[in-house]
């Protein structure tokens, strides 16, 4: 359960680093706001992703 929540938060943060760039490209967002959103999303990604990437689940660990 813990890893599932971390994955969801991580993927949302990853989307927060990609989507604002497209919004700037299409003129829906200014560059300053883009930088703020991307900086926050980057920090969230780096805070959550290391806890679940390359971790084996309990049912996969048994071999």
PDB file of N, CA and C in Angstrom:
ATOM      1  N   UNK A   1       0.833  -1.198   0.000  1.00  0.00           N
ATOM      2  CA  UNK A   1       0.000   0.000   0.000  1.00  0.00           C
ATOM      3  C   UNK A   1       0.876   1.259   0.000  1.00  0.00           C
ATOM      4  N   UNK A   2       1.931   1.216   0.810  1.00  0.00           N
ATOM      5  CA  UNK A   2       2.806   2.382   0.915  1.00  0.00           C
ATOM      6  C   UNK A   2       3.467   2.686  -0.423  1.00  0.00           C
ATOM      7  N   UNK A   3       3.940   1.635  -1.105  1.00  0.00           N
ATOM      8  CA  UNK A   3       4.600   1.839  -2.381  1.00  0.00           C
ATOM      9  C   UNK A   3       3.622   2.309  -3.448  1.00  0.00           C
ATOM     10  N   UNK A   4       2.388   1.877  -3.364  1.00  0.00           N
ATOM     11  CA  UNK A   4       1.388   2.307  -4.337  1.00  0.00           C
ATOM     12  C   UNK A   4       1.136   3.807  -4.222  1.00  0.00           C
ATOM     13  N   UNK A   5       1.020   4.301  -3.016  1.00  0.00           N
ATOM     14  CA  UNK A   5       0.808   5.735  -2.805  1.00  0.00           C
ATOM     15  C   UNK A   5       2.024   6.534  -3.274  1.00  0.00           C
ATOM     16  N   UNK A   6       3.215   6.038  -2.980  1.00  0.00           N
ATOM     17  CA  UNK A   6       4.430   6.714  -3.430  1.00  0.00           C
ATOM     18  C   UNK A   6       4.524   6.733  -4.955  1.00  0.00           C
ATOM     19  N   UNK A   7       4.121   5.644  -5.587  1.00  0.00           N
ATOM     20  CA  UNK A   7       4.146   5.593  -7.054  1.00  0.00           C
ATOM     21  C   UNK A   7       3.190   6.611  -7.655  1.00  0.00           C
ATOM     22  N   UNK A   8       2.003   6.704  -7.092  1.00  0.00           N
ATOM     23  CA  UNK A   8       1.017   7.655  -7.600  1.00  0.00           C
ATOM     24  C   UNK A   8       1.537   9.090  -7.470  1.00  0.00           C
ATOM     25  N   UNK A   9       2.081   9.422  -6.300  1.00  0.00           N
ATOM     26  CA  UNK A   9       2.616  10.764  -6.089  1.00  0.00           C
ATOM     27  C   UNK A   9       3.788  11.022  -7.029  1.00  0.00           C
ATOM     28  N   UNK A  10       4.647  10.023  -7.204  1.00  0.00           N
ATOM     29  CA  UNK A  10       5.807  10.177  -8.081  1.00  0.00           C
ATOM     30  C   UNK A  10       5.395  10.412  -9.525  1.00  0.00           C
ATOM     31  N   UNK A  11       4.435   9.636 -10.001  1.00  0.00           N
ATOM     32  CA  UNK A  11       3.993   9.806 -11.380  1.00  0.00           C
ATOM     33  C   UNK A  11       3.282  11.137 -11.592  1.00  0.00           C
ATOM     34  N   UNK A  12       2.536  11.601 -10.607  1.00  0.00           N
ATOM     35  CA  UNK A  12       1.913  12.922 -10.715  1.00  0.00           C
ATOM     36  C   UNK A  12       2.979  14.021 -10.759  1.00  0.00           C
ATOM     37  N   UNK A  13       4.027  13.863  -9.946  1.00  0.00           N
ATOM     38  CA  UNK A  13       5.119  14.834  -9.971  1.00  0.00           C
ATOM     39  C   UNK A  13       5.857  14.789 -11.302  1.00  0.00           C
ATOM     40  N   UNK A  14       6.021  13.599 -11.851  1.00  0.00           N
ATOM     41  CA  UNK A  14       6.670  13.483 -13.151  1.00  0.00           C
ATOM     42  C   UNK A  14       5.833  14.165 -14.230  1.00  0.00           C
ATOM     43  N   UNK A  15       4.533  14.011 -14.139  1.00  0.00           N
ATOM     44  CA  UNK A  15       3.650  14.721 -15.072  1.00  0.00           C
ATOM     45  C   UNK A  15       3.754  16.230 -14.866  1.00  0.00           C
ATOM     46  N   UNK A  16       4.001  16.637 -13.624  1.00  0.00           N
ATOM     47  CA  UNK A  16       4.162  18.053 -13.325  1.00  0.00           C
ATOM     48  C   UNK A  16       5.441  18.645 -13.878  1.00  0.00           C
ATOM     49  N   UNK A  17       6.354  17.796 -14.311  1.00  0.00           N
ATOM     50  CA  UNK A  17       7.550  18.315 -14.962  1.00  0.00           C
ATOM     51  C   UNK A  17       7.420  18.327 -16.479  1.00  0.00           C
ATOM     52  N   UNK A  18       6.439  17.642 -17.005  1.00  0.00           N
ATOM     53  CA  UNK A  18       6.268  17.545 -18.453  1.00  0.00           C
ATOM     54  C   UNK A  18       5.138  18.441 -18.960  1.00  0.00           C
ATOM     55  N   UNK A  19       4.007  18.380 -18.323  1.00  0.00           N
ATOM     56  CA  UNK A  19       2.809  19.079 -18.791  1.00  0.00           C
ATOM     57  C   UNK A  19       2.980  20.609 -18.851  1.00  0.00           C
ATOM     58  N   UNK A  20       3.605  21.246 -17.846  1.00  0.00           N
ATOM     59  CA  UNK A  20       3.750  22.708 -17.940  1.00  0.00           C
ATOM     60  C   UNK A  20       4.536  23.175 -19.165  1.00  0.00           C
ATOM     61  N   UNK A  21       5.483  22.378 -19.620  1.00  0.00           N
ATOM     62  CA  UNK A  21       6.244  22.759 -20.816  1.00  0.00           C
ATOM     63  C   UNK A  21       5.342  22.825 -22.048  1.00  0.00           C
ATOM     64  N   UNK A  22       4.445  21.879 -22.165  1.00  0.00           N
ATOM     65  CA  UNK A  22       3.494  21.905 -23.277  1.00  0.00           C
ATOM     66  C   UNK A  22       2.543  23.091 -23.140  1.00  0.00           C
ATOM     67  N   UNK A  23       2.171  23.413 -21.900  1.00  0.00           N
ATOM     68  CA  UNK A  23       1.273  24.545 -21.687  1.00  0.00           C
ATOM     69  C   UNK A  23       1.945  25.860 -22.079  1.00  0.00           C
ATOM     70  N   UNK A  24       3.238  25.991 -21.822  1.00  0.00           N
ATOM     71  CA  UNK A  24       3.976  27.178 -22.262  1.00  0.00           C
ATOM     72  C   UNK A  24       4.039  27.210 -23.779  1.00  0.00           C
ATOM     73  N   UNK A  25       4.289  26.074 -24.376  1.00  0.00           N
ATOM     74  CA  UNK A  25       4.375  25.989 -25.833  1.00  0.00           C
ATOM     75  C   UNK A  25       3.081  26.445 -26.498  1.00  0.00           C
ATOM     76  N   UNK A  26       1.947  26.058 -25.922  1.00  0.00           N
ATOM     77  CA  UNK A  26       0.658  26.432 -26.500  1.00  0.00           C
ATOM     78  C   UNK A  26       0.155  27.796 -26.009  1.00  0.00           C
ATOM     79  N   UNK A  27       0.930  28.454 -25.138  1.00  0.00           N
ATOM     80  CA  UNK A  27       0.580  29.796 -24.692  1.00  0.00           C
ATOM     81  C   UNK A  27      -0.397  29.857 -23.543  1.00  0.00           C
ATOM     82  N   UNK A  28      -0.608  28.767 -22.849  1.00  0.00           N
ATOM     83  CA  UNK A  28      -1.558  28.743 -21.737  1.00  0.00           C
ATOM     84  C   UNK A  28      -0.926  29.092 -20.394  1.00  0.00           C
ATOM     85  N   UNK A  29       0.406  29.174 -20.349  1.00  0.00           N
ATOM     86  CA  UNK A  29       1.115  29.372 -19.085  1.00  0.00           C
ATOM     87  C   UNK A  29       2.340  30.244 -19.347  1.00  0.00           C
ATOM     88  N   UNK A  30       2.641  31.131 -18.404  1.00  0.00           N
ATOM     89  CA  UNK A  30       3.845  31.951 -18.597  1.00  0.00           C
ATOM     90  C   UNK A  30       5.071  31.194 -18.071  1.00  0.00           C
ATOM     91  N   UNK A  31       6.240  31.647 -18.478  1.00  0.00           N
ATOM     92  CA  UNK A  31       7.475  30.921 -18.203  1.00  0.00           C
ATOM     93  C   UNK A  31       7.822  30.921 -16.717  1.00  0.00           C
ATOM     94  N   UNK A  32       7.508  31.988 -16.009  1.00  0.00           N
ATOM     95  CA  UNK A  32       7.817  32.047 -14.572  1.00  0.00           C
ATOM     96  C   UNK A  32       7.016  31.001 -13.800  1.00  0.00           C
ATOM     97  N   UNK A  33       5.744  30.900 -14.084  1.00  0.00           N
ATOM     98  CA  UNK A  33       4.908  29.899 -13.434  1.00  0.00           C
ATOM     99  C   UNK A  33       5.361  28.504 -13.821  1.00  0.00           C
ATOM    100  N   UNK A  34       5.764  28.335 -15.066  1.00  0.00           N
ATOM    101  CA  UNK A  34       6.272  27.053 -15.533  1.00  0.00           C
ATOM    102  C   UNK A  34       7.478  26.621 -14.702  1.00  0.00           C
ATOM    103  N   UNK A  35       8.399  27.534 -14.476  1.00  0.00           N
ATOM    104  CA  UNK A  35       9.599  27.206 -13.703  1.00  0.00           C
ATOM    105  C   UNK A  35       9.262  26.849 -12.264  1.00  0.00           C
ATOM    106  N   UNK A  36       8.307  27.544 -11.687  1.00  0.00           N
ATOM    107  CA  UNK A  36       7.909  27.257 -10.310  1.00  0.00           C
ATOM    108  C   UNK A  36       7.257  25.884 -10.189  1.00  0.00           C
ATOM    109  N   UNK A  37       6.349  25.581 -11.105  1.00  0.00           N
ATOM    110  CA  UNK A  37       5.676  24.282 -11.076  1.00  0.00           C
ATOM    111  C   UNK A  37       6.678  23.157 -11.295  1.00  0.00           C
ATOM    112  N   UNK A  38       7.569  23.346 -12.263  1.00  0.00           N
ATOM    113  CA  UNK A  38       8.532  22.293 -12.562  1.00  0.00           C
ATOM    114  C   UNK A  38       9.530  22.096 -11.419  1.00  0.00           C
ATOM    115  N   UNK A  39       9.929  23.164 -10.748  1.00  0.00           N
ATOM    116  CA  UNK A  39      10.850  23.033  -9.615  1.00  0.00           C
ATOM    117  C   UNK A  39      10.191  22.275  -8.467  1.00  0.00           C
ATOM    118  N   UNK A  40       8.946  22.612  -8.170  1.00  0.00           N
ATOM    119  CA  UNK A  40       8.225  21.911  -7.111  1.00  0.00           C
ATOM    120  C   UNK A  40       8.027  20.439  -7.469  1.00  0.00           C
ATOM    121  N   UNK A  41       7.623  20.171  -8.697  1.00  0.00           N
ATOM    122  CA  UNK A  41       7.399  18.785  -9.131  1.00  0.00           C
ATOM    123  C   UNK A  41       8.696  17.988  -9.100  1.00  0.00           C
ATOM    124  N   UNK A  42       9.801  18.616  -9.468  1.00  0.00           N
ATOM    125  CA  UNK A  42      11.094  17.936  -9.424  1.00  0.00           C
ATOM    126  C   UNK A  42      11.447  17.534  -7.992  1.00  0.00           C
ATOM    127  N   UNK A  43      11.237  18.434  -7.051  1.00  0.00           N
ATOM    128  CA  UNK A  43      11.531  18.128  -5.650  1.00  0.00           C
ATOM    129  C   UNK A  43      10.658  16.987  -5.135  1.00  0.00           C
ATOM    130  N   UNK A  44       9.390  17.003  -5.498  1.00  0.00           N
ATOM    131  CA  UNK A  44       8.487  15.923  -5.077  1.00  0.00           C
ATOM    132  C   UNK A  44       8.913  14.599  -5.699  1.00  0.00           C
ATOM    133  N   UNK A  45       9.289  14.616  -6.977  1.00  0.00           N
ATOM    134  CA  UNK A  45       9.744  13.392  -7.646  1.00  0.00           C
ATOM    135  C   UNK A  45      10.966  12.811  -6.941  1.00  0.00           C
ATOM    136  N   UNK A  46      11.967  13.649  -6.685  1.00  0.00           N
ATOM    137  CA  UNK A  46      13.187  13.166  -6.047  1.00  0.00           C
ATOM    138  C   UNK A  46      12.962  12.774  -4.586  1.00  0.00           C
ATOM    139  N   UNK A  47      11.929  13.285  -3.968  1.00  0.00           N
ATOM    140  CA  UNK A  47      11.627  12.916  -2.583  1.00  0.00           C
ATOM    141  C   UNK A  47      10.861  11.599  -2.489  1.00  0.00           C
ATOM    142  N   UNK A  48      10.125  11.235  -3.530  1.00  0.00           N
ATOM    143  CA  UNK A  48       9.283  10.041  -3.446  1.00  0.00           C
ATOM    144  C   UNK A  48       9.793   8.855  -4.263  1.00  0.00           C
ATOM    145  N   UNK A  49      10.392   9.093  -5.397  1.00  0.00           N
ATOM    146  CA  UNK A  49      10.772   8.003  -6.294  1.00  0.00           C
ATOM    147  C   UNK A  49      11.825   7.044  -5.729  1.00  0.00           C
ATOM    148  N   UNK A  50      12.851   7.500  -5.028  1.00  0.00           N
ATOM    149  CA  UNK A  50      13.869   6.551  -4.559  1.00  0.00           C
ATOM    150  C   UNK A  50      13.348   5.481  -3.609  1.00  0.00           C
ATOM    151  N   UNK A  51      12.200   5.711  -2.997  1.00  0.00           N
ATOM    152  CA  UNK A  51      11.671   4.748  -2.045  1.00  0.00           C
ATOM    153  C   UNK A  51      10.997   3.547  -2.701  1.00  0.00           C
ATOM    154  N   UNK A  52      10.616   3.661  -3.969  1.00  0.00           N
ATOM    155  CA  UNK A  52       9.945   2.525  -4.592  1.00  0.00           C
ATOM    156  C   UNK A  52      10.640   2.018  -5.853  1.00  0.00           C
ATOM    157  N   UNK A  53      11.511   2.787  -6.456  1.00  0.00           N
ATOM    158  CA  UNK A  53      12.192   2.317  -7.660  1.00  0.00           C
ATOM    159  C   UNK A  53      13.212   1.252  -7.269  1.00  0.00           C
ATOM    160  N   UNK A  54      13.224   0.159  -8.014  1.00  0.00           N
ATOM    161  CA  UNK A  54      14.116  -0.984  -7.806  1.00  0.00           C
ATOM    162  C   UNK A  54      13.896  -1.696  -6.483  1.00  0.00           C
ATOM    163  N   UNK A  55      12.724  -1.569  -5.915  1.00  0.00           N
ATOM    164  CA  UNK A  55      12.377  -2.313  -4.712  1.00  0.00           C
ATOM    165  C   UNK A  55      11.516  -3.502  -5.119  1.00  0.00           C
ATOM    166  N   UNK A  56      11.822  -4.647  -4.585  1.00  0.00           N
ATOM    167  CA  UNK A  56      11.028  -5.831  -4.882  1.00  0.00           C
ATOM    168  C   UNK A  56       9.839  -5.901  -3.940  1.00  0.00           C
ATOM    169  N   UNK A  57       8.720  -6.306  -4.503  1.00  0.00           N
ATOM    170  CA  UNK A  57       7.547  -6.533  -3.680  1.00  0.00           C
ATOM    171  C   UNK A  57       7.728  -7.829  -2.929  1.00  0.00           C
ATOM    172  N   UNK A  58       6.931  -8.038  -1.877  1.00  0.00           N
ATOM    173  CA  UNK A  58       7.058  -9.239  -1.068  1.00  0.00           C
ATOM    174  C   UNK A  58       6.829 -10.514  -1.869  1.00  0.00           C
ATOM    175  N   UNK A  59       5.846 -10.503  -2.756  1.00  0.00           N
ATOM    176  CA  UNK A  59       5.568 -11.707  -3.525  1.00  0.00           C
ATOM    177  C   UNK A  59       6.612 -11.962  -4.604  1.00  0.00           C
ATOM    178  N   UNK A  60       7.379 -10.954  -5.032  1.00  0.00           N
ATOM    179  CA  UNK A  60       8.440 -11.139  -6.012  1.00  0.00           C
ATOM    180  C   UNK A  60       9.750 -11.543  -5.354  1.00  0.00           C
ATOM    181  N   UNK A  61       9.903 -11.268  -4.068  1.00  0.00           N
ATOM    182  CA  UNK A  61      11.172 -11.538  -3.377  1.00  0.00           C
ATOM    183  C   UNK A  61      11.387 -13.027  -3.128  1.00  0.00           C
ATOM    184  N   UNK A  62      10.322 -13.806  -3.117  1.00  0.00           N
ATOM    185  CA  UNK A  62      10.437 -15.230  -2.843  1.00  0.00           C
ATOM    186  C   UNK A  62      10.804 -15.961  -4.118  1.00  0.00           C
ATOM    187  N   UNK A  63      11.990 -16.566  -4.125  1.00  0.00           N
ATOM    188  CA  UNK A  63      12.440 -17.327  -5.293  1.00  0.00           C
ATOM    189  C   UNK A  63      13.102 -18.587  -4.856  1.00  0.00           C
TER     190      UNK A  63
END
